[in-house]
Amino acid sequence: MQLVAQLVKESIPNYLSSLPIPDTIGGWFRLGIKDWAALIPPTALLAGVGYMSYMSFCPKAWEGCCRSKKSGAINPQILKSSDKVVDSIDIEDISEKAVFCRCWRSKNWPYCDGSHNAHNKSEGDNVGPLIVTKKK
């Protein structure tokens, strides 16, 4: 605890008072290279704290930062000209088993062709197909 007290009461104030911060706007133009170099660490620290605060308190900031740059649409290609994609399959048309796509990436829509494997790997997702079986 003594170390923290010394840091807060003595070290930080001494460091800040030694920084070459001018009293006037014109004083900024008279700073030398060494003076500007001395201002880099506290400026970087303030920028980092500001950025972390922004990322913490602005949820919209994460949307552009960490998510993929795709449009956000679940369905990337299937029947995009329709307002809503609805498929109907008669249960009588299923022989024993049918495997339906739930990732919207199948080239054999509405049946699964395994496209979810590549999607899961690239996006860190865990989607799989819907398997419908017919009892005998």
C-alpha atoms as a PDB file:
ATOM      1  CA  MET A   1       0.000   0.000   0.000  1.00  0.00           C
ATOM      2  CA  GLN A   2       2.959   2.287   0.692  1.00  0.00           C
ATOM      3  CA  LEU A   3       4.072   1.868  -2.916  1.00  0.00           C
ATOM      4  CA  VAL A   4       0.677   2.971  -4.243  1.00  0.00           C
ATOM      5  CA  ALA A   5       0.592   5.965  -1.885  1.00  0.00           C
ATOM      6  CA  GLN A   6       4.048   7.081  -3.023  1.00  0.00           C
ATOM      7  CA  LEU A   7       3.055   6.640  -6.663  1.00  0.00           C
ATOM      8  CA  VAL A   8      -0.120   8.714  -6.288  1.00  0.00           C
ATOM      9  CA  LYS A   9       1.232  11.374  -3.902  1.00  0.00           C
ATOM     10  CA  GLU A  10       4.739  11.900  -5.270  1.00  0.00           C
ATOM     11  CA  SER A  11       5.766  10.119  -8.476  1.00  0.00           C
ATOM     12  CA  ILE A  12       2.817  10.993 -10.724  1.00  0.00           C
ATOM     13  CA  PRO A  13       2.602  14.671  -9.640  1.00  0.00           C
ATOM     14  CA  ASN A  14       6.373  15.076 -10.068  1.00  0.00           C
ATOM     15  CA  TYR A  15       6.214  13.496 -13.535  1.00  0.00           C
ATOM     16  CA  LEU A  16       3.283  15.667 -14.621  1.00  0.00           C
ATOM     17  CA  SER A  17       4.882  18.860 -13.299  1.00  0.00           C
ATOM     18  CA  SER A  18       8.045  18.071 -15.273  1.00  0.00           C
ATOM     19  CA  LEU A  19       6.164  17.866 -18.600  1.00  0.00           C
ATOM     20  CA  PRO A  20       6.846  20.781 -20.960  1.00  0.00           C
ATOM     21  CA  ILE A  21       3.247  22.058 -21.244  1.00  0.00           C
ATOM     22  CA  PRO A  22       3.279  25.720 -22.377  1.00  0.00           C
ATOM     23  CA  ASP A  23       1.099  28.421 -20.805  1.00  0.00           C
ATOM     24  CA  THR A  24       0.092  29.976 -24.122  1.00  0.00           C
ATOM     25  CA  ILE A  25      -0.912  28.751 -27.562  1.00  0.00           C
ATOM     26  CA  GLY A  26       2.227  30.303 -29.023  1.00  0.00           C
ATOM     27  CA  GLY A  27       4.307  28.274 -26.576  1.00  0.00           C
ATOM     28  CA  TRP A  28       3.374  25.065 -28.411  1.00  0.00           C
ATOM     29  CA  PHE A  29       5.221  26.359 -31.462  1.00  0.00           C
ATOM     30  CA  ARG A  30       8.401  26.953 -29.464  1.00  0.00           C
ATOM     31  CA  LEU A  31       8.660  23.373 -28.137  1.00  0.00           C
ATOM     32  CA  GLY A  32      11.711  21.418 -29.232  1.00  0.00           C
ATOM     33  CA  ILE A  33      11.944  17.815 -30.405  1.00  0.00           C
ATOM     34  CA  LYS A  34      12.818  16.578 -26.904  1.00  0.00           C
ATOM     35  CA  ASP A  35       9.797  18.407 -25.495  1.00  0.00           C
ATOM     36  CA  TRP A  36       7.463  16.820 -28.061  1.00  0.00           C
ATOM     37  CA  ALA A  37       8.994  13.389 -27.389  1.00  0.00           C
ATOM     38  CA  ALA A  38       8.339  13.856 -23.653  1.00  0.00           C
ATOM     39  CA  LEU A  39       4.644  14.490 -24.409  1.00  0.00           C
ATOM     40  CA  ILE A  40       4.170  11.243 -26.382  1.00  0.00           C
ATOM     41  CA  PRO A  41       3.732   8.801 -23.423  1.00  0.00           C
ATOM     42  CA  PRO A  42       1.039  10.780 -21.554  1.00  0.00           C
ATOM     43  CA  THR A  43      -0.743  11.518 -24.839  1.00  0.00           C
ATOM     44  CA  ALA A  44      -0.742   7.819 -25.761  1.00  0.00           C
ATOM     45  CA  LEU A  45      -2.046   6.943 -22.289  1.00  0.00           C
ATOM     46  CA  LEU A  46      -4.884   9.474 -22.554  1.00  0.00           C
ATOM     47  CA  ALA A  47      -5.750   8.253 -26.057  1.00  0.00           C
ATOM     48  CA  GLY A  48      -5.826   4.630 -24.831  1.00  0.00           C
ATOM     49  CA  VAL A  49      -8.040   5.474 -21.851  1.00  0.00           C
ATOM     50  CA  GLY A  50     -10.347   7.474 -24.111  1.00  0.00           C
ATOM     51  CA  TYR A  51     -10.595   4.640 -26.636  1.00  0.00           C
ATOM     52  CA  MET A  52     -11.261   2.009 -23.968  1.00  0.00           C
ATOM     53  CA  SER A  53     -13.936   4.252 -22.431  1.00  0.00           C
ATOM     54  CA  TYR A  54     -15.549   4.717 -25.819  1.00  0.00           C
ATOM     55  CA  MET A  55     -15.553   0.967 -26.484  1.00  0.00           C
ATOM     56  CA  SER A  56     -16.940   0.257 -22.997  1.00  0.00           C
ATOM     57  CA  PHE A  57     -19.771   2.764 -22.963  1.00  0.00           C
ATOM     58  CA  CYS A  58     -20.810   2.868 -26.630  1.00  0.00           C
ATOM     59  CA  PRO A  59     -22.267  -0.513 -27.672  1.00  0.00           C
ATOM     60  CA  LYS A  60     -22.598   0.659 -31.285  1.00  0.00           C
ATOM     61  CA  ALA A  61     -18.803   0.940 -31.445  1.00  0.00           C
ATOM     62  CA  TRP A  62     -18.433  -2.849 -31.311  1.00  0.00           C
ATOM     63  CA  GLU A  63     -20.636  -3.355 -34.384  1.00  0.00           C
ATOM     64  CA  GLY A  64     -18.093  -1.857 -36.739  1.00  0.00           C
ATOM     65  CA  CYS A  65     -15.072  -3.147 -34.880  1.00  0.00           C
ATOM     66  CA  CYS A  66     -15.454  -6.798 -34.113  1.00  0.00           C
ATOM     67  CA  ARG A  67     -18.140  -8.168 -36.347  1.00  0.00           C
ATOM     68  CA  SER A  68     -17.554  -9.291 -39.875  1.00  0.00           C
ATOM     69  CA  LYS A  69     -18.018  -6.706 -42.606  1.00  0.00           C
ATOM     70  CA  LYS A  70     -20.986  -8.528 -44.122  1.00  0.00           C
ATOM     71  CA  SER A  71     -24.399  -6.960 -44.524  1.00  0.00           C
ATOM     72  CA  GLY A  72     -25.784  -8.634 -41.415  1.00  0.00           C
ATOM     73  CA  ALA A  73     -28.384 -10.532 -43.407  1.00  0.00           C
ATOM     74  CA  ILE A  74     -28.923 -14.129 -42.383  1.00  0.00           C
ATOM     75  CA  ASN A  75     -29.848 -15.192 -45.893  1.00  0.00           C
ATOM     76  CA  PRO A  76     -26.998 -14.174 -48.209  1.00  0.00           C
ATOM     77  CA  GLN A  77     -28.372 -15.486 -51.556  1.00  0.00           C
ATOM     78  CA  ILE A  78     -31.558 -17.586 -51.541  1.00  0.00           C
ATOM     79  CA  LEU A  79     -34.618 -16.075 -53.253  1.00  0.00           C
ATOM     80  CA  LYS A  80     -33.541 -12.505 -52.498  1.00  0.00           C
ATOM     81  CA  SER A  81     -36.274 -11.180 -54.820  1.00  0.00           C
ATOM     82  CA  SER A  82     -38.972 -12.466 -52.413  1.00  0.00           C
ATOM     83  CA  ASP A  83     -40.118 -10.507 -49.364  1.00  0.00           C
ATOM     84  CA  LYS A  84     -40.172 -13.724 -47.325  1.00  0.00           C
ATOM     85  CA  VAL A  85     -38.755 -17.163 -48.103  1.00  0.00           C
ATOM     86  CA  VAL A  86     -41.257 -19.901 -47.250  1.00  0.00           C
ATOM     87  CA  ASP A  87     -40.873 -23.521 -48.320  1.00  0.00           C
ATOM     88  CA  SER A  88     -43.385 -26.298 -47.993  1.00  0.00           C
ATOM     89  CA  ILE A  89     -42.564 -29.982 -48.338  1.00  0.00           C
ATOM     90  CA  ASP A  90     -45.148 -32.731 -48.108  1.00  0.00           C
ATOM     91  CA  ILE A  91     -44.190 -35.341 -45.524  1.00  0.00           C
ATOM     92  CA  GLU A  92     -45.323 -38.016 -47.950  1.00  0.00           C
ATOM     93  CA  ASP A  93     -42.541 -36.964 -50.343  1.00  0.00           C
ATOM     94  CA  ILE A  94     -39.898 -37.888 -47.745  1.00  0.00           C
ATOM     95  CA  SER A  95     -38.773 -41.479 -48.090  1.00  0.00           C
ATOM     96  CA  GLU A  96     -37.061 -42.229 -44.746  1.00  0.00           C
ATOM     97  CA  LYS A  97     -35.061 -39.140 -43.891  1.00  0.00           C
ATOM     98  CA  ALA A  98     -34.627 -35.560 -45.127  1.00  0.00           C
ATOM     99  CA  VAL A  99     -31.920 -33.138 -44.029  1.00  0.00           C
ATOM    100  CA  PHE A 100     -32.847 -29.443 -44.277  1.00  0.00           C
ATOM    101  CA  CYS A 101     -30.500 -26.463 -44.289  1.00  0.00           C
ATOM    102  CA  ARG A 102     -30.665 -23.981 -41.409  1.00  0.00           C
ATOM    103  CA  CYS A 103     -27.566 -21.917 -42.219  1.00  0.00           C
ATOM    104  CA  TRP A 104     -28.934 -20.433 -45.483  1.00  0.00           C
ATOM    105  CA  ARG A 105     -25.728 -21.262 -47.369  1.00  0.00           C
ATOM    106  CA  SER A 106     -26.794 -24.481 -49.125  1.00  0.00           C
ATOM    107  CA  LYS A 107     -26.547 -24.600 -52.915  1.00  0.00           C
ATOM    108  CA  ASN A 108     -29.302 -27.247 -52.836  1.00  0.00           C
ATOM    109  CA  TRP A 109     -31.839 -25.185 -50.840  1.00  0.00           C
ATOM    110  CA  PRO A 110     -33.922 -26.184 -48.832  1.00  0.00           C
ATOM    111  CA  TYR A 111     -31.867 -29.356 -48.423  1.00  0.00           C
ATOM    112  CA  CYS A 112     -28.544 -29.339 -46.577  1.00  0.00           C
ATOM    113  CA  ASP A 113     -25.377 -29.823 -48.600  1.00  0.00           C
ATOM    114  CA  GLY A 114     -22.929 -29.392 -45.694  1.00  0.00           C
ATOM    115  CA  SER A 115     -22.247 -25.695 -46.326  1.00  0.00           C
ATOM    116  CA  HIS A 116     -22.713 -25.031 -42.616  1.00  0.00           C
ATOM    117  CA  ASN A 117     -19.307 -26.627 -41.951  1.00  0.00           C
ATOM    118  CA  ALA A 118     -17.430 -23.845 -43.773  1.00  0.00           C
ATOM    119  CA  HIS A 119     -19.768 -21.217 -42.293  1.00  0.00           C
ATOM    120  CA  ASN A 120     -19.195 -22.507 -38.746  1.00  0.00           C
ATOM    121  CA  LYS A 121     -15.428 -22.538 -39.215  1.00  0.00           C
ATOM    122  CA  SER A 122     -15.236 -18.996 -40.620  1.00  0.00           C
ATOM    123  CA  GLU A 123     -17.761 -17.382 -38.262  1.00  0.00           C
ATOM    124  CA  GLY A 124     -17.223 -19.404 -35.087  1.00  0.00           C
ATOM    125  CA  ASP A 125     -20.871 -20.489 -35.248  1.00  0.00           C
ATOM    126  CA  ASN A 126     -22.415 -23.861 -34.423  1.00  0.00           C
ATOM    127  CA  VAL A 127     -25.428 -24.123 -36.735  1.00  0.00           C
ATOM    128  CA  GLY A 128     -26.374 -27.502 -38.151  1.00  0.00           C
ATOM    129  CA  PRO A 129     -29.147 -28.991 -40.279  1.00  0.00           C
ATOM    130  CA  LEU A 130     -32.698 -29.995 -39.363  1.00  0.00           C
ATOM    131  CA  ILE A 131     -33.072 -33.742 -39.787  1.00  0.00           C
ATOM    132  CA  VAL A 132     -36.602 -35.081 -40.332  1.00  0.00           C
ATOM    133  CA  THR A 133     -37.146 -38.835 -40.133  1.00  0.00           C
ATOM    134  CA  LYS A 134     -40.252 -40.756 -41.047  1.00  0.00           C
ATOM    135  CA  LYS A 135     -41.324 -43.523 -38.683  1.00  0.00           C
ATOM    136  CA  LYS A 136     -42.149 -46.842 -40.258  1.00  0.00           C
END
